[in-house]
Amino acid sequence: IEQPANWDPATGLKVAQDIIAANKDLVGMHSVSDAVTLAAYQAVKAAKKEDQIIVTSYDGNKEACEAVKNGDFALTLLTGSKRVGYWNVKVGAALANGERPQVKDNTLYLSSYFIMNDDLKAKVKEWGLDTGISILTPDEGIRMADAYQEDLGPKK
């Protein structure tokens, strides 16, 4: 089931409520915005389906990392608006200075990290899905959310 929420938490809450009501056997929910996912999780809680519906998100903001830490979200993916903005300016400045950033397979990647608790990390490893991905604990994600220069450079 796919339903846009227009990046709006209030819309995300309503969409989640409608999806939960229409799909009694729903087992998972994902949003590409932590703010929307945090609102949608309120619908999961209101329906008393925290143990039935696995919630995942995208952004890796501090609040989402906290939600992973306390078990509300299974995971979030740390990209983060500050990180994306910093990275875009860094790449643009490098190109303007005639530099060629490092690429892999003709693609320039922003380093991203899955934020998950140790129990899910162990399952991901057991399933053989940990190859080529970076996984951080929620506490590491919280720190990394604002440590974009440390991660993305330039190194001091």
C-alpha atoms as a PDB file:
ATOM      1  CA  ILE A   1       0.000   0.000   0.000  1.00  0.00           C
ATOM      2  CA  GLU A   2       1.393   3.369  -0.917  1.00  0.00           C
ATOM      3  CA  GLN A   3      -0.177   6.625   0.121  1.00  0.00           C
ATOM      4  CA  PRO A   4       1.558  10.015  -0.101  1.00  0.00           C
ATOM      5  CA  ALA A   5       1.545  12.189   2.998  1.00  0.00           C
ATOM      6  CA  ASN A   6       3.076  15.224   1.261  1.00  0.00           C
ATOM      7  CA  TRP A   7       5.880  15.416   3.854  1.00  0.00           C
ATOM      8  CA  ASP A   8       3.289  16.686   6.356  1.00  0.00           C
ATOM      9  CA  PRO A   9       3.079  15.027   9.786  1.00  0.00           C
ATOM     10  CA  ALA A  10      -0.641  15.779  10.225  1.00  0.00           C
ATOM     11  CA  THR A  11      -1.354  14.214   6.843  1.00  0.00           C
ATOM     12  CA  GLY A  12       0.884  11.277   7.752  1.00  0.00           C
ATOM     13  CA  LEU A  13      -1.119  10.684  10.913  1.00  0.00           C
ATOM     14  CA  LYS A  14      -4.407  10.653   8.983  1.00  0.00           C
ATOM     15  CA  VAL A  15      -2.980   8.427   6.222  1.00  0.00           C
ATOM     16  CA  ALA A  16      -1.650   5.972   8.829  1.00  0.00           C
ATOM     17  CA  GLN A  17      -4.991   5.913  10.635  1.00  0.00           C
ATOM     18  CA  ASP A  18      -6.803   5.164   7.373  1.00  0.00           C
ATOM     19  CA  ILE A  19      -4.324   2.456   6.325  1.00  0.00           C
ATOM     20  CA  ILE A  20      -4.479   0.755   9.722  1.00  0.00           C
ATOM     21  CA  ALA A  21      -8.289   0.848   9.739  1.00  0.00           C
ATOM     22  CA  ALA A  22      -8.511  -0.598   6.215  1.00  0.00           C
ATOM     23  CA  ASN A  23      -5.845  -3.288   6.685  1.00  0.00           C
ATOM     24  CA  LYS A  24      -6.403  -5.300   9.847  1.00  0.00           C
ATOM     25  CA  ASP A  25      -3.458  -7.606   9.044  1.00  0.00           C
ATOM     26  CA  LEU A  26      -0.914  -4.830   8.421  1.00  0.00           C
ATOM     27  CA  VAL A  27       2.509  -5.860   9.725  1.00  0.00           C
ATOM     28  CA  GLY A  28       4.790  -3.031   8.578  1.00  0.00           C
ATOM     29  CA  MET A  29       4.841   0.672   7.845  1.00  0.00           C
ATOM     30  CA  HIS A  30       7.603   2.827   6.341  1.00  0.00           C
ATOM     31  CA  SER A  31       7.854   6.527   5.659  1.00  0.00           C
ATOM     32  CA  VAL A  32      10.587   8.479   3.906  1.00  0.00           C
ATOM     33  CA  SER A  33      10.392  11.273   6.456  1.00  0.00           C
ATOM     34  CA  ASP A  34      11.090  10.894  10.170  1.00  0.00           C
ATOM     35  CA  ALA A  35       8.648  13.687  11.004  1.00  0.00           C
ATOM     36  CA  VAL A  36       5.847  11.885   9.160  1.00  0.00           C
ATOM     37  CA  THR A  37       6.845   8.522  10.649  1.00  0.00           C
ATOM     38  CA  LEU A  38       6.774   9.949  14.172  1.00  0.00           C
ATOM     39  CA  ALA A  39       3.218  11.146  13.529  1.00  0.00           C
ATOM     40  CA  ALA A  40       2.205   7.879  11.860  1.00  0.00           C
ATOM     41  CA  TYR A  41       3.523   5.965  14.862  1.00  0.00           C
ATOM     42  CA  GLN A  42       0.928   7.782  16.964  1.00  0.00           C
ATOM     43  CA  ALA A  43      -1.739   6.060  14.851  1.00  0.00           C
ATOM     44  CA  VAL A  44      -0.057   2.696  15.501  1.00  0.00           C
ATOM     45  CA  LYS A  45      -0.092   3.390  19.250  1.00  0.00           C
ATOM     46  CA  ALA A  46      -3.699   4.610  19.207  1.00  0.00           C
ATOM     47  CA  ALA A  47      -4.701   1.367  17.459  1.00  0.00           C
ATOM     48  CA  LYS A  48      -2.723  -0.554  20.128  1.00  0.00           C
ATOM     49  CA  LYS A  49      -0.744  -2.340  17.420  1.00  0.00           C
ATOM     50  CA  GLU A  50       2.800  -1.543  18.537  1.00  0.00           C
ATOM     51  CA  ASP A  51       3.560  -5.282  18.769  1.00  0.00           C
ATOM     52  CA  GLN A  52       1.967  -6.052  15.387  1.00  0.00           C
ATOM     53  CA  ILE A  53       3.166  -3.274  13.074  1.00  0.00           C
ATOM     54  CA  ILE A  54       6.900  -2.846  12.489  1.00  0.00           C
ATOM     55  CA  VAL A  55       7.717   0.820  11.827  1.00  0.00           C
ATOM     56  CA  THR A  56      10.738   1.980   9.825  1.00  0.00           C
ATOM     57  CA  SER A  57      11.769   5.435   8.730  1.00  0.00           C
ATOM     58  CA  TYR A  58      14.213   7.532   6.750  1.00  0.00           C
ATOM     59  CA  ASP A  59      16.273  10.593   7.726  1.00  0.00           C
ATOM     60  CA  GLY A  60      18.008   9.530  10.920  1.00  0.00           C
ATOM     61  CA  ASN A  61      17.039  12.629  12.827  1.00  0.00           C
ATOM     62  CA  LYS A  62      17.708  12.593  16.567  1.00  0.00           C
ATOM     63  CA  GLU A  63      14.037  11.984  17.411  1.00  0.00           C
ATOM     64  CA  ALA A  64      13.917   8.964  15.118  1.00  0.00           C
ATOM     65  CA  CYS A  65      17.144   7.591  16.588  1.00  0.00           C
ATOM     66  CA  GLU A  66      15.527   7.948  20.019  1.00  0.00           C
ATOM     67  CA  ALA A  67      12.455   6.085  18.671  1.00  0.00           C
ATOM     68  CA  VAL A  68      14.752   3.257  17.544  1.00  0.00           C
ATOM     69  CA  LYS A  69      16.514   3.297  20.903  1.00  0.00           C
ATOM     70  CA  ASN A  70      13.254   2.920  22.846  1.00  0.00           C
ATOM     71  CA  GLY A  71      11.830   0.328  20.444  1.00  0.00           C
ATOM     72  CA  ASP A  72       9.134   2.373  18.720  1.00  0.00           C
ATOM     73  CA  PHE A  73      10.877   2.150  15.309  1.00  0.00           C
ATOM     74  CA  ALA A  74      12.741  -0.916  14.069  1.00  0.00           C
ATOM     75  CA  LEU A  75      15.176   1.307  12.188  1.00  0.00           C
ATOM     76  CA  THR A  76      15.792   4.587  10.457  1.00  0.00           C
ATOM     77  CA  LEU A  77      18.295   5.419   7.739  1.00  0.00           C
ATOM     78  CA  LEU A  78      20.636   8.276   8.609  1.00  0.00           C
ATOM     79  CA  THR A  79      20.951  10.706   5.765  1.00  0.00           C
ATOM     80  CA  GLY A  80      19.584  13.768   7.551  1.00  0.00           C
ATOM     81  CA  SER A  81      18.759  17.183   6.140  1.00  0.00           C
ATOM     82  CA  LYS A  82      21.836  18.837   7.669  1.00  0.00           C
ATOM     83  CA  ARG A  83      24.067  16.115   6.246  1.00  0.00           C
ATOM     84  CA  VAL A  84      22.470  16.314   2.783  1.00  0.00           C
ATOM     85  CA  GLY A  85      22.709  20.111   2.735  1.00  0.00           C
ATOM     86  CA  TYR A  86      26.333  20.107   3.881  1.00  0.00           C
ATOM     87  CA  TRP A  87      27.239  17.392   1.375  1.00  0.00           C
ATOM     88  CA  ASN A  88      25.566  19.202  -1.531  1.00  0.00           C
ATOM     89  CA  VAL A  89      27.417  22.442  -0.770  1.00  0.00           C
ATOM     90  CA  LYS A  90      30.695  20.529  -0.337  1.00  0.00           C
ATOM     91  CA  VAL A  91      30.296  18.768  -3.692  1.00  0.00           C
ATOM     92  CA  GLY A  92      29.212  21.994  -5.430  1.00  0.00           C
ATOM     93  CA  ALA A  93      32.200  23.879  -4.023  1.00  0.00           C
ATOM     94  CA  ALA A  94      34.569  21.101  -5.098  1.00  0.00           C
ATOM     95  CA  LEU A  95      33.175  21.145  -8.638  1.00  0.00           C
ATOM     96  CA  ALA A  96      33.374  24.961  -8.750  1.00  0.00           C
ATOM     97  CA  ASN A  97      37.043  24.700  -7.744  1.00  0.00           C
ATOM     98  CA  GLY A  98      37.727  22.272 -10.586  1.00  0.00           C
ATOM     99  CA  GLU A  99      38.038  19.249  -8.299  1.00  0.00           C
ATOM    100  CA  ARG A 100      36.594  15.887  -9.178  1.00  0.00           C
ATOM    101  CA  PRO A 101      35.019  14.209  -6.143  1.00  0.00           C
ATOM    102  CA  GLN A 102      35.632  10.492  -5.635  1.00  0.00           C
ATOM    103  CA  VAL A 103      33.019   8.418  -7.420  1.00  0.00           C
ATOM    104  CA  LYS A 104      32.166   4.725  -7.487  1.00  0.00           C
ATOM    105  CA  ASP A 105      30.770   3.297 -10.716  1.00  0.00           C
ATOM    106  CA  ASN A 106      30.343   6.873 -12.047  1.00  0.00           C
ATOM    107  CA  THR A 107      28.077   7.706  -9.109  1.00  0.00           C
ATOM    108  CA  LEU A 108      28.741  10.040  -6.206  1.00  0.00           C
ATOM    109  CA  TYR A 109      27.338   8.658  -2.970  1.00  0.00           C
ATOM    110  CA  LEU A 110      26.468  10.320   0.311  1.00  0.00           C
ATOM    111  CA  SER A 111      27.499   8.018   3.142  1.00  0.00           C
ATOM    112  CA  SER A 112      24.377   6.734   4.868  1.00  0.00           C
ATOM    113  CA  TYR A 113      23.866   4.537   7.898  1.00  0.00           C
ATOM    114  CA  PHE A 114      21.155   2.219   9.114  1.00  0.00           C
ATOM    115  CA  ILE A 115      20.298   2.979  12.725  1.00  0.00           C
ATOM    116  CA  MET A 116      19.090  -0.094  14.594  1.00  0.00           C
ATOM    117  CA  ASN A 117      19.309  -1.825  17.934  1.00  0.00           C
ATOM    118  CA  ASP A 118      21.641  -4.746  18.507  1.00  0.00           C
ATOM    119  CA  ASP A 119      18.866  -7.361  18.262  1.00  0.00           C
ATOM    120  CA  LEU A 120      17.886  -6.304  14.739  1.00  0.00           C
ATOM    121  CA  LYS A 121      21.539  -5.908  13.773  1.00  0.00           C
ATOM    122  CA  ALA A 122      22.099  -9.539  14.791  1.00  0.00           C
ATOM    123  CA  LYS A 123      19.109 -10.645  12.680  1.00  0.00           C
ATOM    124  CA  VAL A 124      20.346  -8.658   9.676  1.00  0.00           C
ATOM    125  CA  LYS A 125      23.719 -10.367  10.025  1.00  0.00           C
ATOM    126  CA  GLU A 126      22.084 -13.790  10.450  1.00  0.00           C
ATOM    127  CA  TRP A 127      20.047 -13.197   7.277  1.00  0.00           C
ATOM    128  CA  GLY A 128      23.234 -12.247   5.402  1.00  0.00           C
ATOM    129  CA  LEU A 129      21.976  -8.732   4.691  1.00  0.00           C
ATOM    130  CA  ASP A 130      24.802  -6.838   6.407  1.00  0.00           C
ATOM    131  CA  THR A 131      27.165  -6.902   3.424  1.00  0.00           C
ATOM    132  CA  GLY A 132      27.991  -3.469   2.053  1.00  0.00           C
ATOM    133  CA  ILE A 133      25.898  -1.496   4.543  1.00  0.00           C
ATOM    134  CA  SER A 134      26.869   0.552   7.552  1.00  0.00           C
ATOM    135  CA  ILE A 135      24.940   0.038  10.779  1.00  0.00           C
ATOM    136  CA  LEU A 136      25.088   2.316  13.809  1.00  0.00           C
ATOM    137  CA  THR A 137      23.500   2.038  17.231  1.00  0.00           C
ATOM    138  CA  PRO A 138      20.875   4.668  18.090  1.00  0.00           C
ATOM    139  CA  ASP A 139      23.379   6.494  20.325  1.00  0.00           C
ATOM    140  CA  GLU A 140      25.928   6.548  17.502  1.00  0.00           C
ATOM    141  CA  GLY A 141      23.212   7.819  15.160  1.00  0.00           C
ATOM    142  CA  ILE A 142      22.262  10.613  17.543  1.00  0.00           C
ATOM    143  CA  ARG A 143      25.896  11.728  17.674  1.00  0.00           C
ATOM    144  CA  MET A 144      26.440  11.328  13.923  1.00  0.00           C
ATOM    145  CA  ALA A 145      23.328  13.337  13.019  1.00  0.00           C
ATOM    146  CA  ASP A 146      25.218  16.530  13.878  1.00  0.00           C
ATOM    147  CA  ALA A 147      28.750  15.265  13.192  1.00  0.00           C
ATOM    148  CA  TYR A 148      28.405  15.517   9.428  1.00  0.00           C
ATOM    149  CA  GLN A 149      31.671  17.419   8.961  1.00  0.00           C
ATOM    150  CA  GLU A 150      33.519  14.721  10.896  1.00  0.00           C
ATOM    151  CA  ASP A 151      32.020  12.102   8.580  1.00  0.00           C
ATOM    152  CA  LEU A 152      31.966  13.999   5.291  1.00  0.00           C
ATOM    153  CA  GLY A 153      35.075  16.149   5.665  1.00  0.00           C
ATOM    154  CA  PRO A 154      37.134  18.063   5.187  1.00  0.00           C
ATOM    155  CA  LYS A 155      39.190  16.458   7.900  1.00  0.00           C
ATOM    156  CA  LYS A 156      40.771  19.010  10.184  1.00  0.00           C
END
